[in-house]
């Protein structure tokens, strides 16, 4: 993957399992939040997996110039709309399958009210509007507490323990969606994702940029989970078939616990620059156990070593970046 076109093609390359699963679903797929950082690649993946056999409806405000036209050119039915607007939400086309990607993470500090509106109130409005649909909703592993790094990560049965307003609002999203699932009998799946990576953003890009800039890598959050974005997109779409009442909860991440120190050293070796470290590894971190996901859908196609290799080359060669840092190192939940 050396160009944006090659990266986009890899992200949108469907597996046989995805093609088969989507072939068993009836009707169109409506994707809300299609203009976000993972939305376009998920739309293209759905288009490739369904091969024109149904409409893939991409809904977003589409603030990025040219994105709506690009997705339309790929075959998506594009609807420019702000789902936070009641009239716009009401006027959206019906679809039996809905993927809900809308969420807010950054800018929480000082705008907590807006974060709660987007992450907790708005999902209820969407769930009520699409009460007759099957819904796959993106959530986050941030609903879990920091856990001992030797414990293997939180499972779907672990108690929630969100740290900070963002994480609390995301748990609020899950609770509100679960309420409407029970109220209307709407089948849902909840995807607890952390941390998705591709070559333009993610934990590995954050580390590579710090190394090249000579900035210290904070080791307090010494271990992380990462997963190839293409795999996360695929599982999100395939989870439509798992949707139930109450919602089916699924952790989505890679099978490995990644050492931040070692990842930085490997990236530094590939970049030809020694990383600078600060702090020491804490005994806890935000870690998820996605073994249920791996039993259902197999392992991600790209390993951490491969992702590090691709990321280092991309950043070193000046590949385009989304400039959306994960802030994975924050331990207080303030984003």
C-alpha atoms as a PDB file:
ATOM      1  CA  UNK A   1       0.000   0.000   0.000  1.00  0.00           C
ATOM      2  CA  UNK A   2       1.913   3.009  -1.301  1.00  0.00           C
ATOM      3  CA  UNK A   3      -0.867   5.290  -2.548  1.00  0.00           C
ATOM      4  CA  UNK A   4      -4.249   6.480  -1.293  1.00  0.00           C
ATOM      5  CA  UNK A   5      -5.930   4.517  -4.075  1.00  0.00           C
ATOM      6  CA  UNK A   6      -4.166   1.313  -2.989  1.00  0.00           C
ATOM      7  CA  UNK A   7      -5.075   1.945   0.646  1.00  0.00           C
ATOM      8  CA  UNK A   8      -8.722   2.603  -0.185  1.00  0.00           C
ATOM      9  CA  UNK A   9      -8.860  -0.554  -2.307  1.00  0.00           C
ATOM     10  CA  UNK A  10      -7.456  -2.661   0.539  1.00  0.00           C
ATOM     11  CA  UNK A  11      -9.871  -1.171   3.071  1.00  0.00           C
ATOM     12  CA  UNK A  12     -12.827  -1.900   0.791  1.00  0.00           C
ATOM     13  CA  UNK A  13     -11.845  -5.461  -0.178  1.00  0.00           C
ATOM     14  CA  UNK A  14     -14.600  -7.792   1.086  1.00  0.00           C
ATOM     15  CA  UNK A  15     -14.026 -11.295   2.377  1.00  0.00           C
ATOM     16  CA  UNK A  16     -16.087 -14.239   1.188  1.00  0.00           C
ATOM     17  CA  UNK A  17     -17.690 -14.359   4.627  1.00  0.00           C
ATOM     18  CA  UNK A  18     -18.900 -10.769   4.377  1.00  0.00           C
ATOM     19  CA  UNK A  19     -20.302 -11.325   0.892  1.00  0.00           C
ATOM     20  CA  UNK A  20     -22.152 -14.397   2.130  1.00  0.00           C
ATOM     21  CA  UNK A  21     -23.495 -12.732   5.288  1.00  0.00           C
ATOM     22  CA  UNK A  22     -24.806  -9.672   3.453  1.00  0.00           C
ATOM     23  CA  UNK A  23     -26.405 -11.858   0.786  1.00  0.00           C
ATOM     24  CA  UNK A  24     -28.576 -13.343   3.532  1.00  0.00           C
ATOM     25  CA  UNK A  25     -29.906  -9.938   4.596  1.00  0.00           C
ATOM     26  CA  UNK A  26     -32.963  -8.490   2.897  1.00  0.00           C
ATOM     27  CA  UNK A  27     -33.100  -4.928   1.621  1.00  0.00           C
ATOM     28  CA  UNK A  28     -31.003  -1.810   1.518  1.00  0.00           C
ATOM     29  CA  UNK A  29     -28.291  -0.750   3.977  1.00  0.00           C
ATOM     30  CA  UNK A  30     -28.448   2.791   5.359  1.00  0.00           C
ATOM     31  CA  UNK A  31     -25.168   4.101   6.792  1.00  0.00           C
ATOM     32  CA  UNK A  32     -25.490   7.091   9.126  1.00  0.00           C
ATOM     33  CA  UNK A  33     -22.280   9.046   9.663  1.00  0.00           C
ATOM     34  CA  UNK A  34     -20.848   8.017   6.289  1.00  0.00           C
ATOM     35  CA  UNK A  35     -18.616  11.092   6.138  1.00  0.00           C
ATOM     36  CA  UNK A  36     -16.589  10.358   9.282  1.00  0.00           C
ATOM     37  CA  UNK A  37     -13.084   8.951   9.400  1.00  0.00           C
ATOM     38  CA  UNK A  38     -14.203   5.337   8.922  1.00  0.00           C
ATOM     39  CA  UNK A  39     -17.498   5.926   7.102  1.00  0.00           C
ATOM     40  CA  UNK A  40     -16.260   6.221   3.491  1.00  0.00           C
ATOM     41  CA  UNK A  41     -14.269   2.977   3.603  1.00  0.00           C
ATOM     42  CA  UNK A  42     -17.211   1.156   5.213  1.00  0.00           C
ATOM     43  CA  UNK A  43     -19.550   2.433   2.485  1.00  0.00           C
ATOM     44  CA  UNK A  44     -17.168   1.234  -0.233  1.00  0.00           C
ATOM     45  CA  UNK A  45     -16.765  -2.123   1.502  1.00  0.00           C
ATOM     46  CA  UNK A  46     -20.547  -2.570   1.581  1.00  0.00           C
ATOM     47  CA  UNK A  47     -20.775  -1.611  -2.097  1.00  0.00           C
ATOM     48  CA  UNK A  48     -18.137  -4.145  -3.078  1.00  0.00           C
ATOM     49  CA  UNK A  49     -19.651  -6.880  -0.929  1.00  0.00           C
ATOM     50  CA  UNK A  50     -23.166  -6.438  -2.327  1.00  0.00           C
ATOM     51  CA  UNK A  51     -22.114  -5.831  -5.954  1.00  0.00           C
ATOM     52  CA  UNK A  52     -25.091  -3.654  -6.837  1.00  0.00           C
ATOM     53  CA  UNK A  53     -27.697  -6.083  -5.526  1.00  0.00           C
ATOM     54  CA  UNK A  54     -29.137  -3.474  -3.150  1.00  0.00           C
ATOM     55  CA  UNK A  55     -28.836   0.199  -2.377  1.00  0.00           C
ATOM     56  CA  UNK A  56     -26.088   1.359  -0.038  1.00  0.00           C
ATOM     57  CA  UNK A  57     -27.375   4.691   1.259  1.00  0.00           C
ATOM     58  CA  UNK A  58     -24.659   6.977   2.620  1.00  0.00           C
ATOM     59  CA  UNK A  59     -25.917   9.730   4.958  1.00  0.00           C
ATOM     60  CA  UNK A  60     -23.765  12.569   6.295  1.00  0.00           C
ATOM     61  CA  UNK A  61     -23.430  16.329   6.314  1.00  0.00           C
ATOM     62  CA  UNK A  62     -20.486  15.695   3.943  1.00  0.00           C
ATOM     63  CA  UNK A  63     -18.353  18.619   5.048  1.00  0.00           C
ATOM     64  CA  UNK A  64     -15.300  17.220   3.230  1.00  0.00           C
ATOM     65  CA  UNK A  65     -15.233  18.658  -0.297  1.00  0.00           C
ATOM     66  CA  UNK A  66     -15.737  16.074  -3.018  1.00  0.00           C
ATOM     67  CA  UNK A  67     -16.541  13.124  -0.731  1.00  0.00           C
ATOM     68  CA  UNK A  68     -20.245  12.956  -1.564  1.00  0.00           C
ATOM     69  CA  UNK A  69     -19.461  13.016  -5.274  1.00  0.00           C
ATOM     70  CA  UNK A  70     -16.779  10.354  -4.836  1.00  0.00           C
ATOM     71  CA  UNK A  71     -19.114   7.964  -3.015  1.00  0.00           C
ATOM     72  CA  UNK A  72     -21.873   8.590  -5.545  1.00  0.00           C
ATOM     73  CA  UNK A  73     -19.402   7.791  -8.307  1.00  0.00           C
ATOM     74  CA  UNK A  74     -18.615   4.515  -6.550  1.00  0.00           C
ATOM     75  CA  UNK A  75     -22.302   3.584  -6.640  1.00  0.00           C
ATOM     76  CA  UNK A  76     -23.664   4.759  -3.285  1.00  0.00           C
ATOM     77  CA  UNK A  77     -26.980   6.541  -2.939  1.00  0.00           C
ATOM     78  CA  UNK A  78     -25.827   9.750  -1.255  1.00  0.00           C
ATOM     79  CA  UNK A  79     -28.050  11.757   1.075  1.00  0.00           C
ATOM     80  CA  UNK A  80     -26.631  15.010   2.467  1.00  0.00           C
ATOM     81  CA  UNK A  81     -28.385  15.485   5.801  1.00  0.00           C
ATOM     82  CA  UNK A  82     -27.716  16.368   9.426  1.00  0.00           C
ATOM     83  CA  UNK A  83     -29.309  13.568  11.458  1.00  0.00           C
ATOM     84  CA  UNK A  84     -29.345  15.881  14.490  1.00  0.00           C
ATOM     85  CA  UNK A  85     -32.027  17.906  12.702  1.00  0.00           C
ATOM     86  CA  UNK A  86     -35.441  16.414  13.485  1.00  0.00           C
ATOM     87  CA  UNK A  87     -36.918  17.153  10.068  1.00  0.00           C
ATOM     88  CA  UNK A  88     -33.884  15.791   8.249  1.00  0.00           C
ATOM     89  CA  UNK A  89     -33.965  12.631  10.361  1.00  0.00           C
ATOM     90  CA  UNK A  90     -37.665  12.143   9.698  1.00  0.00           C
ATOM     91  CA  UNK A  91     -37.184  12.594   5.943  1.00  0.00           C
ATOM     92  CA  UNK A  92     -34.431   9.991   5.577  1.00  0.00           C
ATOM     93  CA  UNK A  93     -35.350   6.977   3.458  1.00  0.00           C
ATOM     94  CA  UNK A  94     -36.421   3.835   5.252  1.00  0.00           C
ATOM     95  CA  UNK A  95     -34.143   0.804   5.162  1.00  0.00           C
ATOM     96  CA  UNK A  96     -34.320  -2.586   6.862  1.00  0.00           C
ATOM     97  CA  UNK A  97     -30.621  -2.415   7.782  1.00  0.00           C
ATOM     98  CA  UNK A  98     -29.044   0.598   9.506  1.00  0.00           C
ATOM     99  CA  UNK A  99     -25.400   1.138  10.468  1.00  0.00           C
ATOM    100  CA  UNK A 100     -25.061   3.960  13.006  1.00  0.00           C
ATOM    101  CA  UNK A 101     -21.579   5.511  13.066  1.00  0.00           C
ATOM    102  CA  UNK A 102     -22.361   8.973  14.440  1.00  0.00           C
ATOM    103  CA  UNK A 103     -20.419   9.956  17.555  1.00  0.00           C
ATOM    104  CA  UNK A 104     -18.327  12.667  19.207  1.00  0.00           C
ATOM    105  CA  UNK A 105     -15.049  12.142  21.049  1.00  0.00           C
ATOM    106  CA  UNK A 106     -12.778  15.155  20.863  1.00  0.00           C
ATOM    107  CA  UNK A 107     -13.600  18.532  22.351  1.00  0.00           C
ATOM    108  CA  UNK A 108     -15.350  16.929  25.303  1.00  0.00           C
ATOM    109  CA  UNK A 109     -13.705  19.247  27.806  1.00  0.00           C
ATOM    110  CA  UNK A 110     -15.821  22.380  28.068  1.00  0.00           C
ATOM    111  CA  UNK A 111     -18.485  21.017  25.715  1.00  0.00           C
ATOM    112  CA  UNK A 112     -19.784  18.127  27.736  1.00  0.00           C
ATOM    113  CA  UNK A 113     -23.379  19.009  26.887  1.00  0.00           C
ATOM    114  CA  UNK A 114     -22.727  18.663  23.150  1.00  0.00           C
ATOM    115  CA  UNK A 115     -20.941  15.353  23.682  1.00  0.00           C
ATOM    116  CA  UNK A 116     -23.891  13.930  25.602  1.00  0.00           C
ATOM    117  CA  UNK A 117     -26.327  15.203  22.981  1.00  0.00           C
ATOM    118  CA  UNK A 118     -24.458  13.440  20.166  1.00  0.00           C
ATOM    119  CA  UNK A 119     -23.503  10.280  22.017  1.00  0.00           C
ATOM    120  CA  UNK A 120     -26.556   9.624  24.195  1.00  0.00           C
ATOM    121  CA  UNK A 121     -29.604  11.686  23.163  1.00  0.00           C
ATOM    122  CA  UNK A 122     -29.263  11.462  19.361  1.00  0.00           C
ATOM    123  CA  UNK A 123     -28.975   7.644  19.301  1.00  0.00           C
ATOM    124  CA  UNK A 124     -32.376   7.472  20.970  1.00  0.00           C
ATOM    125  CA  UNK A 125     -33.897   9.671  18.274  1.00  0.00           C
ATOM    126  CA  UNK A 126     -32.329   7.487  15.584  1.00  0.00           C
ATOM    127  CA  UNK A 127     -33.468   4.271  17.250  1.00  0.00           C
ATOM    128  CA  UNK A 128     -37.007   5.607  17.518  1.00  0.00           C
ATOM    129  CA  UNK A 129     -37.006   6.723  13.865  1.00  0.00           C
ATOM    130  CA  UNK A 130     -35.741   3.349  12.641  1.00  0.00           C
ATOM    131  CA  UNK A 131     -37.616   1.205  15.127  1.00  0.00           C
ATOM    132  CA  UNK A 132     -38.575  -1.235  12.362  1.00  0.00           C
ATOM    133  CA  UNK A 133     -35.009  -1.753  11.155  1.00  0.00           C
ATOM    134  CA  UNK A 134     -32.088  -3.909  12.183  1.00  0.00           C
ATOM    135  CA  UNK A 135     -29.374  -1.639  13.646  1.00  0.00           C
ATOM    136  CA  UNK A 136     -25.607  -2.096  14.061  1.00  0.00           C
ATOM    137  CA  UNK A 137     -24.276   0.748  16.229  1.00  0.00           C
ATOM    138  CA  UNK A 138     -20.654   1.691  16.764  1.00  0.00           C
ATOM    139  CA  UNK A 139     -19.637   1.996  20.405  1.00  0.00           C
ATOM    140  CA  UNK A 140     -16.215   1.940  22.057  1.00  0.00           C
ATOM    141  CA  UNK A 141     -14.077  -0.065  24.434  1.00  0.00           C
ATOM    142  CA  UNK A 142     -13.864   3.120  26.520  1.00  0.00           C
ATOM    143  CA  UNK A 143     -17.013   1.976  28.328  1.00  0.00           C
ATOM    144  CA  UNK A 144     -14.714  -0.383  30.267  1.00  0.00           C
ATOM    145  CA  UNK A 145     -12.457   0.676  33.138  1.00  0.00           C
ATOM    146  CA  UNK A 146      -8.682   0.543  33.099  1.00  0.00           C
ATOM    147  CA  UNK A 147      -7.725  -3.046  33.914  1.00  0.00           C
ATOM    148  CA  UNK A 148      -4.502  -4.805  34.958  1.00  0.00           C
ATOM    149  CA  UNK A 149      -2.343  -5.308  31.887  1.00  0.00           C
ATOM    150  CA  UNK A 150      -1.835  -8.953  32.848  1.00  0.00           C
ATOM    151  CA  UNK A 151      -5.588  -9.739  32.997  1.00  0.00           C
ATOM    152  CA  UNK A 152      -6.194 -10.281  29.290  1.00  0.00           C
ATOM    153  CA  UNK A 153      -8.547  -7.342  28.774  1.00  0.00           C
ATOM    154  CA  UNK A 154     -12.228  -6.741  29.473  1.00  0.00           C
ATOM    155  CA  UNK A 155     -14.724  -9.144  27.935  1.00  0.00           C
ATOM    156  CA  UNK A 156     -18.283  -8.360  26.904  1.00  0.00           C
ATOM    157  CA  UNK A 157     -19.403  -9.723  30.279  1.00  0.00           C
ATOM    158  CA  UNK A 158     -17.096  -7.453  32.273  1.00  0.00           C
ATOM    159  CA  UNK A 159     -18.761  -4.644  34.235  1.00  0.00           C
ATOM    160  CA  UNK A 160     -18.716  -1.199  32.672  1.00  0.00           C
ATOM    161  CA  UNK A 161     -16.559   1.435  34.322  1.00  0.00           C
ATOM    162  CA  UNK A 162     -16.191   4.442  32.023  1.00  0.00           C
ATOM    163  CA  UNK A 163     -13.511   7.010  32.845  1.00  0.00           C
ATOM    164  CA  UNK A 164     -14.422  10.599  31.960  1.00  0.00           C
ATOM    165  CA  UNK A 165     -17.343  12.351  30.287  1.00  0.00           C
ATOM    166  CA  UNK A 166     -16.727  10.942  26.813  1.00  0.00           C
ATOM    167  CA  UNK A 167     -16.698   7.353  28.009  1.00  0.00           C
ATOM    168  CA  UNK A 168     -19.732   7.942  30.225  1.00  0.00           C
ATOM    169  CA  UNK A 169     -21.662   9.416  27.323  1.00  0.00           C
ATOM    170  CA  UNK A 170     -20.789   6.356  25.222  1.00  0.00           C
ATOM    171  CA  UNK A 171     -22.151   4.069  27.914  1.00  0.00           C
ATOM    172  CA  UNK A 172     -25.198   6.356  27.869  1.00  0.00           C
ATOM    173  CA  UNK A 173     -25.512   5.675  24.128  1.00  0.00           C
ATOM    174  CA  UNK A 174     -25.531   1.946  24.761  1.00  0.00           C
ATOM    175  CA  UNK A 175     -28.102   2.215  27.544  1.00  0.00           C
ATOM    176  CA  UNK A 176     -30.408   4.423  25.459  1.00  0.00           C
ATOM    177  CA  UNK A 177     -30.153   2.118  22.460  1.00  0.00           C
ATOM    178  CA  UNK A 178     -30.852  -0.896  24.679  1.00  0.00           C
ATOM    179  CA  UNK A 179     -33.959   0.882  25.999  1.00  0.00           C
ATOM    180  CA  UNK A 180     -35.360   1.414  22.504  1.00  0.00           C
ATOM    181  CA  UNK A 181     -34.415  -2.104  21.495  1.00  0.00           C
ATOM    182  CA  UNK A 182     -36.529  -3.434  24.359  1.00  0.00           C
ATOM    183  CA  UNK A 183     -39.309  -0.872  23.845  1.00  0.00           C
ATOM    184  CA  UNK A 184     -39.828  -1.531  20.134  1.00  0.00           C
ATOM    185  CA  UNK A 185     -38.319  -4.993  19.765  1.00  0.00           C
ATOM    186  CA  UNK A 186     -35.644  -3.548  17.466  1.00  0.00           C
ATOM    187  CA  UNK A 187     -32.772  -5.996  16.901  1.00  0.00           C
ATOM    188  CA  UNK A 188     -29.410  -4.323  17.491  1.00  0.00           C
ATOM    189  CA  UNK A 189     -25.710  -5.021  17.756  1.00  0.00           C
ATOM    190  CA  UNK A 190     -23.247  -2.835  19.667  1.00  0.00           C
ATOM    191  CA  UNK A 191     -19.644  -2.750  18.442  1.00  0.00           C
ATOM    192  CA  UNK A 192     -17.163  -1.883  21.210  1.00  0.00           C
ATOM    193  CA  UNK A 193     -14.166  -0.884  19.103  1.00  0.00           C
ATOM    194  CA  UNK A 194     -10.624   0.059  20.125  1.00  0.00           C
ATOM    195  CA  UNK A 195      -8.283   1.109  18.555  1.00  0.00           C
ATOM    196  CA  UNK A 196      -8.844   0.963  14.801  1.00  0.00           C
ATOM    197  CA  UNK A 197      -5.800   1.842  12.712  1.00  0.00           C
ATOM    198  CA  UNK A 198      -5.059   2.454   9.072  1.00  0.00           C
ATOM    199  CA  UNK A 199      -2.204   4.316   7.435  1.00  0.00           C
ATOM    200  CA  UNK A 200      -3.668   7.822   7.809  1.00  0.00           C
ATOM    201  CA  UNK A 201      -4.585   7.723  11.487  1.00  0.00           C
ATOM    202  CA  UNK A 202      -4.509   5.621  14.620  1.00  0.00           C
ATOM    203  CA  UNK A 203      -2.182   4.751  17.473  1.00  0.00           C
ATOM    204  CA  UNK A 204       0.676   3.717  15.190  1.00  0.00           C
ATOM    205  CA  UNK A 205       0.469   6.945  13.172  1.00  0.00           C
ATOM    206  CA  UNK A 206       0.453   8.919  16.428  1.00  0.00           C
ATOM    207  CA  UNK A 207       3.631   7.147  17.552  1.00  0.00           C
ATOM    208  CA  UNK A 208       5.362   7.499  14.180  1.00  0.00           C
ATOM    209  CA  UNK A 209       4.689  11.233  14.059  1.00  0.00           C
ATOM    210  CA  UNK A 210       6.049  11.742  17.561  1.00  0.00           C
ATOM    211  CA  UNK A 211       9.192   9.780  16.725  1.00  0.00           C
ATOM    212  CA  UNK A 212       9.870  11.756  13.550  1.00  0.00           C
ATOM    213  CA  UNK A 213       9.250  15.037  15.360  1.00  0.00           C
ATOM    214  CA  UNK A 214      11.578  14.057  18.205  1.00  0.00           C
ATOM    215  CA  UNK A 215       8.738  14.351  20.698  1.00  0.00           C
ATOM    216  CA  UNK A 216       8.743  12.049  23.742  1.00  0.00           C
ATOM    217  CA  UNK A 217       6.469   9.023  23.726  1.00  0.00           C
ATOM    218  CA  UNK A 218       4.566   8.848  27.022  1.00  0.00           C
ATOM    219  CA  UNK A 219       4.737   5.306  28.412  1.00  0.00           C
ATOM    220  CA  UNK A 220       2.179   5.670  31.222  1.00  0.00           C
ATOM    221  CA  UNK A 221      -0.364   3.900  29.017  1.00  0.00           C
ATOM    222  CA  UNK A 222       2.105   1.190  28.206  1.00  0.00           C
ATOM    223  CA  UNK A 223      -0.132  -1.325  26.442  1.00  0.00           C
ATOM    224  CA  UNK A 224      -2.856  -0.948  23.829  1.00  0.00           C
ATOM    225  CA  UNK A 225      -5.042  -2.956  21.489  1.00  0.00           C
ATOM    226  CA  UNK A 226      -5.090  -2.088  17.792  1.00  0.00           C
ATOM    227  CA  UNK A 227      -6.987  -3.546  14.840  1.00  0.00           C
ATOM    228  CA  UNK A 228      -6.891  -2.998  11.082  1.00  0.00           C
ATOM    229  CA  UNK A 229      -9.730  -0.672  10.083  1.00  0.00           C
ATOM    230  CA  UNK A 230     -10.777  -2.922   7.209  1.00  0.00           C
ATOM    231  CA  UNK A 231     -11.451  -5.742   9.668  1.00  0.00           C
ATOM    232  CA  UNK A 232     -13.397  -3.457  11.995  1.00  0.00           C
ATOM    233  CA  UNK A 233     -15.540  -2.284   9.064  1.00  0.00           C
ATOM    234  CA  UNK A 234     -16.214  -5.860   8.010  1.00  0.00           C
ATOM    235  CA  UNK A 235     -17.216  -6.980  11.496  1.00  0.00           C
ATOM    236  CA  UNK A 236     -19.506  -3.960  11.883  1.00  0.00           C
ATOM    237  CA  UNK A 237     -21.368  -4.914   8.705  1.00  0.00           C
ATOM    238  CA  UNK A 238     -21.433  -8.619   9.546  1.00  0.00           C
ATOM    239  CA  UNK A 239     -22.789  -7.847  13.004  1.00  0.00           C
ATOM    240  CA  UNK A 240     -26.113  -6.898  11.383  1.00  0.00           C
ATOM    241  CA  UNK A 241     -26.766 -10.643  11.205  1.00  0.00           C
ATOM    242  CA  UNK A 242     -26.121 -10.937  14.955  1.00  0.00           C
ATOM    243  CA  UNK A 243     -28.499  -8.134  15.964  1.00  0.00           C
ATOM    244  CA  UNK A 244     -30.928  -9.069  18.715  1.00  0.00           C
ATOM    245  CA  UNK A 245     -33.042  -7.857  21.602  1.00  0.00           C
ATOM    246  CA  UNK A 246     -31.428  -7.049  23.976  1.00  0.00           C
ATOM    247  CA  UNK A 247     -28.572  -5.804  21.784  1.00  0.00           C
ATOM    248  CA  UNK A 248     -25.762  -8.185  20.922  1.00  0.00           C
ATOM    249  CA  UNK A 249     -22.525  -6.757  22.344  1.00  0.00           C
ATOM    250  CA  UNK A 250     -19.238  -7.441  20.595  1.00  0.00           C
ATOM    251  CA  UNK A 251     -15.701  -6.296  21.398  1.00  0.00           C
ATOM    252  CA  UNK A 252     -13.742  -5.571  18.227  1.00  0.00           C
ATOM    253  CA  UNK A 253      -9.961  -5.273  18.352  1.00  0.00           C
ATOM    254  CA  UNK A 254      -6.861  -7.299  17.593  1.00  0.00           C
ATOM    255  CA  UNK A 255      -5.943 -10.458  19.507  1.00  0.00           C
ATOM    256  CA  UNK A 256      -2.651  -9.027  20.794  1.00  0.00           C
ATOM    257  CA  UNK A 257      -1.803  -6.711  23.651  1.00  0.00           C
ATOM    258  CA  UNK A 258       0.698  -4.301  22.093  1.00  0.00           C
ATOM    259  CA  UNK A 259       3.586  -2.833  24.073  1.00  0.00           C
ATOM    260  CA  UNK A 260       3.758   0.886  23.314  1.00  0.00           C
ATOM    261  CA  UNK A 261       7.488   0.866  24.035  1.00  0.00           C
ATOM    262  CA  UNK A 262       8.149  -2.011  21.655  1.00  0.00           C
ATOM    263  CA  UNK A 263       5.876  -0.600  18.948  1.00  0.00           C
ATOM    264  CA  UNK A 264       7.743   2.713  19.174  1.00  0.00           C
ATOM    265  CA  UNK A 265      11.116   0.934  18.977  1.00  0.00           C
ATOM    266  CA  UNK A 266       9.988  -1.034  15.920  1.00  0.00           C
ATOM    267  CA  UNK A 267       8.625   2.102  14.259  1.00  0.00           C
ATOM    268  CA  UNK A 268      11.815   3.969  15.113  1.00  0.00           C
ATOM    269  CA  UNK A 269      13.945   1.239  13.557  1.00  0.00           C
ATOM    270  CA  UNK A 270      11.863   1.372  10.386  1.00  0.00           C
ATOM    271  CA  UNK A 271      11.995   5.176  10.327  1.00  0.00           C
ATOM    272  CA  UNK A 272      15.716   5.343  11.101  1.00  0.00           C
ATOM    273  CA  UNK A 273      15.179   7.446  14.203  1.00  0.00           C
ATOM    274  CA  UNK A 274      15.533   6.499  17.865  1.00  0.00           C
ATOM    275  CA  UNK A 275      12.358   7.225  19.864  1.00  0.00           C
ATOM    276  CA  UNK A 276      12.489   9.318  23.014  1.00  0.00           C
ATOM    277  CA  UNK A 277      10.490   8.049  25.991  1.00  0.00           C
ATOM    278  CA  UNK A 278       9.029   9.669  29.053  1.00  0.00           C
ATOM    279  CA  UNK A 279       7.377   8.113  32.100  1.00  0.00           C
ATOM    280  CA  UNK A 280       6.986   4.487  33.080  1.00  0.00           C
ATOM    281  CA  UNK A 281       4.354   1.892  32.228  1.00  0.00           C
ATOM    282  CA  UNK A 282       1.389   1.911  34.635  1.00  0.00           C
ATOM    283  CA  UNK A 283       0.046  -1.450  35.822  1.00  0.00           C
ATOM    284  CA  UNK A 284      -3.357  -0.772  34.201  1.00  0.00           C
ATOM    285  CA  UNK A 285      -4.584   0.201  30.741  1.00  0.00           C
ATOM    286  CA  UNK A 286      -7.699   0.272  28.576  1.00  0.00           C
ATOM    287  CA  UNK A 287      -7.641  -3.221  27.094  1.00  0.00           C
ATOM    288  CA  UNK A 288     -10.341  -5.391  25.537  1.00  0.00           C
ATOM    289  CA  UNK A 289     -10.608  -9.124  24.954  1.00  0.00           C
ATOM    290  CA  UNK A 290     -12.108  -9.731  21.506  1.00  0.00           C
ATOM    291  CA  UNK A 291     -11.934 -13.530  21.506  1.00  0.00           C
ATOM    292  CA  UNK A 292     -15.694 -13.762  20.888  1.00  0.00           C
ATOM    293  CA  UNK A 293     -15.269 -11.708  17.717  1.00  0.00           C
ATOM    294  CA  UNK A 294     -12.327 -13.817  16.552  1.00  0.00           C
ATOM    295  CA  UNK A 295     -14.276 -17.043  17.089  1.00  0.00           C
ATOM    296  CA  UNK A 296     -17.074 -15.672  14.927  1.00  0.00           C
ATOM    297  CA  UNK A 297     -15.100 -13.938  12.195  1.00  0.00           C
ATOM    298  CA  UNK A 298     -11.497 -15.084  12.401  1.00  0.00           C
ATOM    299  CA  UNK A 299      -8.429 -12.934  12.963  1.00  0.00           C
ATOM    300  CA  UNK A 300      -7.633  -9.605  11.284  1.00  0.00           C
ATOM    301  CA  UNK A 301      -5.788 -10.048   8.001  1.00  0.00           C
ATOM    302  CA  UNK A 302      -2.972  -7.647   8.926  1.00  0.00           C
ATOM    303  CA  UNK A 303      -0.794  -8.348  11.965  1.00  0.00           C
ATOM    304  CA  UNK A 304       0.682  -5.615  14.192  1.00  0.00           C
ATOM    305  CA  UNK A 305       4.108  -6.209  12.631  1.00  0.00           C
ATOM    306  CA  UNK A 306       2.674  -5.688   9.143  1.00  0.00           C
ATOM    307  CA  UNK A 307       0.757  -2.608  10.263  1.00  0.00           C
ATOM    308  CA  UNK A 308       3.933  -1.144  11.776  1.00  0.00           C
ATOM    309  CA  UNK A 309       5.837  -1.783   8.530  1.00  0.00           C
ATOM    310  CA  UNK A 310       3.129  -0.212   6.356  1.00  0.00           C
ATOM    311  CA  UNK A 311       2.652   2.745   8.712  1.00  0.00           C
ATOM    312  CA  UNK A 312       6.358   3.557   8.939  1.00  0.00           C
ATOM    313  CA  UNK A 313       6.735   3.547   5.163  1.00  0.00           C
ATOM    314  CA  UNK A 314       3.580   5.636   4.668  1.00  0.00           C
ATOM    315  CA  UNK A 315       4.599   8.296   7.181  1.00  0.00           C
ATOM    316  CA  UNK A 316       8.223   8.364   6.048  1.00  0.00           C
ATOM    317  CA  UNK A 317       7.156   8.887   2.437  1.00  0.00           C
ATOM    318  CA  UNK A 318       4.857  11.745   3.360  1.00  0.00           C
ATOM    319  CA  UNK A 319       1.572   9.962   2.755  1.00  0.00           C
ATOM    320  CA  UNK A 320      -1.563  12.009   3.540  1.00  0.00           C
ATOM    321  CA  UNK A 321      -2.750  11.928   7.147  1.00  0.00           C
ATOM    322  CA  UNK A 322      -6.133  12.733   8.673  1.00  0.00           C
ATOM    323  CA  UNK A 323      -4.581  14.695  11.553  1.00  0.00           C
ATOM    324  CA  UNK A 324      -6.959  13.117  14.061  1.00  0.00           C
ATOM    325  CA  UNK A 325      -4.827  11.914  16.991  1.00  0.00           C
ATOM    326  CA  UNK A 326      -6.352   9.160  19.104  1.00  0.00           C
ATOM    327  CA  UNK A 327      -5.068  10.561  22.421  1.00  0.00           C
ATOM    328  CA  UNK A 328      -4.804   6.938  23.513  1.00  0.00           C
ATOM    329  CA  UNK A 329      -2.258   7.944  26.158  1.00  0.00           C
ATOM    330  CA  UNK A 330      -4.844   9.901  28.182  1.00  0.00           C
ATOM    331  CA  UNK A 331      -5.735   8.066  31.373  1.00  0.00           C
ATOM    332  CA  UNK A 332      -8.228  10.591  32.756  1.00  0.00           C
ATOM    333  CA  UNK A 333     -10.771  10.310  29.931  1.00  0.00           C
ATOM    334  CA  UNK A 334     -10.401  13.961  28.948  1.00  0.00           C
ATOM    335  CA  UNK A 335     -10.417  14.252  25.180  1.00  0.00           C
END
